[in-house]
Amino acid sequence: MLRRLIGFERLHDLRPGESRKAVFTVNPCDLEIYMESEGRKIIEPGNYRVYAGGSCLDERVWAEIEL
């Protein structure tokens, strides 16, 4: 599974139990991968999961999008 950081916002001043909304925009170019065999970048159709968390391994919060 390929993972890539496409945006971040620090929420380090949250108190225990407090919540705050963070909004991110995922642009199509953020999902491009370079296909060496074709010599260009493409966006493969399919389902993509977008995660939000404290690290790249944090999978508690996510949304799925389909292209």
C-alpha atoms as a PDB file:
ATOM      1  CA  MET A   1       0.000   0.000   0.000  1.00  0.00           C
ATOM      2  CA  LEU A   2       1.393   3.355  -1.059  1.00  0.00           C
ATOM      3  CA  ARG A   3       1.063   6.222   1.421  1.00  0.00           C
ATOM      4  CA  ARG A   4       1.889   9.860   0.883  1.00  0.00           C
ATOM      5  CA  LEU A   5       1.595  12.984   3.034  1.00  0.00           C
ATOM      6  CA  ILE A   6      -0.616  15.459   1.198  1.00  0.00           C
ATOM      7  CA  GLY A   7      -1.373  17.947   3.951  1.00  0.00           C
ATOM      8  CA  PHE A   8      -1.035  18.588   7.640  1.00  0.00           C
ATOM      9  CA  GLU A   9      -2.201  20.889  10.377  1.00  0.00           C
ATOM     10  CA  ARG A  10      -0.761  20.874  13.884  1.00  0.00           C
ATOM     11  CA  LEU A  11      -3.366  20.516  16.629  1.00  0.00           C
ATOM     12  CA  HIS A  12      -0.871  20.162  19.478  1.00  0.00           C
ATOM     13  CA  ASP A  13      -2.717  22.472  21.853  1.00  0.00           C
ATOM     14  CA  LEU A  14      -5.773  20.198  22.273  1.00  0.00           C
ATOM     15  CA  ARG A  15      -6.733  19.283  25.821  1.00  0.00           C
ATOM     16  CA  PRO A  16      -7.886  15.746  26.709  1.00  0.00           C
ATOM     17  CA  GLY A  17     -11.438  15.258  25.444  1.00  0.00           C
ATOM     18  CA  GLU A  18     -11.362  18.437  23.348  1.00  0.00           C
ATOM     19  CA  SER A  19     -12.002  18.261  19.608  1.00  0.00           C
ATOM     20  CA  ARG A  20     -11.410  20.581  16.709  1.00  0.00           C
ATOM     21  CA  LYS A  21     -12.229  20.423  13.014  1.00  0.00           C
ATOM     22  CA  ALA A  22      -9.418  20.250  10.477  1.00  0.00           C
ATOM     23  CA  VAL A  23     -10.281  20.556   6.784  1.00  0.00           C
ATOM     24  CA  PHE A  24      -8.100  19.279   3.954  1.00  0.00           C
ATOM     25  CA  THR A  25      -8.574  19.341   0.204  1.00  0.00           C
ATOM     26  CA  VAL A  26      -7.359  16.379  -1.821  1.00  0.00           C
ATOM     27  CA  ASN A  27      -6.679  17.471  -5.387  1.00  0.00           C
ATOM     28  CA  PRO A  28      -6.512  14.950  -8.240  1.00  0.00           C
ATOM     29  CA  CYS A  29      -2.814  15.714  -8.759  1.00  0.00           C
ATOM     30  CA  ASP A  30      -2.206  14.543  -5.162  1.00  0.00           C
ATOM     31  CA  LEU A  31      -3.192  11.024  -6.284  1.00  0.00           C
ATOM     32  CA  GLU A  32      -0.942  10.816  -9.345  1.00  0.00           C
ATOM     33  CA  ILE A  33       1.731   8.162  -9.572  1.00  0.00           C
ATOM     34  CA  TYR A  34       4.551   8.002 -12.083  1.00  0.00           C
ATOM     35  CA  MET A  35       4.232   5.040 -14.447  1.00  0.00           C
ATOM     36  CA  GLU A  36       7.724   4.415 -15.765  1.00  0.00           C
ATOM     37  CA  SER A  37       6.377   2.073 -18.440  1.00  0.00           C
ATOM     38  CA  GLU A  38       4.258   4.912 -19.862  1.00  0.00           C
ATOM     39  CA  GLY A  39       6.708   7.716 -19.142  1.00  0.00           C
ATOM     40  CA  ARG A  40       4.061   9.866 -17.485  1.00  0.00           C
ATOM     41  CA  LYS A  41       1.986  10.405 -14.362  1.00  0.00           C
ATOM     42  CA  ILE A  42      -1.459   8.841 -14.140  1.00  0.00           C
ATOM     43  CA  ILE A  43      -4.315   8.557 -11.680  1.00  0.00           C
ATOM     44  CA  GLU A  44      -5.403   4.952 -11.383  1.00  0.00           C
ATOM     45  CA  PRO A  45      -9.161   4.462 -11.002  1.00  0.00           C
ATOM     46  CA  GLY A  46     -10.327   2.719  -7.852  1.00  0.00           C
ATOM     47  CA  ASN A  47     -10.902   3.252  -4.148  1.00  0.00           C
ATOM     48  CA  TYR A  48      -8.549   5.442  -2.129  1.00  0.00           C
ATOM     49  CA  ARG A  49      -8.406   5.830   1.643  1.00  0.00           C
ATOM     50  CA  VAL A  50      -7.492   9.197   3.126  1.00  0.00           C
ATOM     51  CA  TYR A  51      -6.221   8.988   6.718  1.00  0.00           C
ATOM     52  CA  ALA A  52      -5.943  11.627   9.431  1.00  0.00           C
ATOM     53  CA  GLY A  53      -3.897  10.965  12.530  1.00  0.00           C
ATOM     54  CA  GLY A  54      -0.777  11.472  14.568  1.00  0.00           C
ATOM     55  CA  SER A  55       1.464   9.490  12.207  1.00  0.00           C
ATOM     56  CA  CYS A  56       1.409   7.631   8.910  1.00  0.00           C
ATOM     57  CA  LEU A  57       0.523   4.446  10.806  1.00  0.00           C
ATOM     58  CA  ASP A  58      -2.436   5.960  12.685  1.00  0.00           C
ATOM     59  CA  GLU A  59      -5.541   4.465  11.052  1.00  0.00           C
ATOM     60  CA  ARG A  60      -8.233   5.572  13.533  1.00  0.00           C
ATOM     61  CA  VAL A  61      -9.732   8.289  11.315  1.00  0.00           C
ATOM     62  CA  TRP A  62     -10.185   7.778   7.591  1.00  0.00           C
ATOM     63  CA  ALA A  63     -12.498   8.366   4.643  1.00  0.00           C
ATOM     64  CA  GLU A  64     -12.742   6.454   1.387  1.00  0.00           C
ATOM     65  CA  ILE A  65     -13.103   8.040  -2.032  1.00  0.00           C
ATOM     66  CA  GLU A  66     -13.685   6.353  -5.370  1.00  0.00           C
ATOM     67  CA  LEU A  67     -12.256   7.519  -8.698  1.00  0.00           C
END
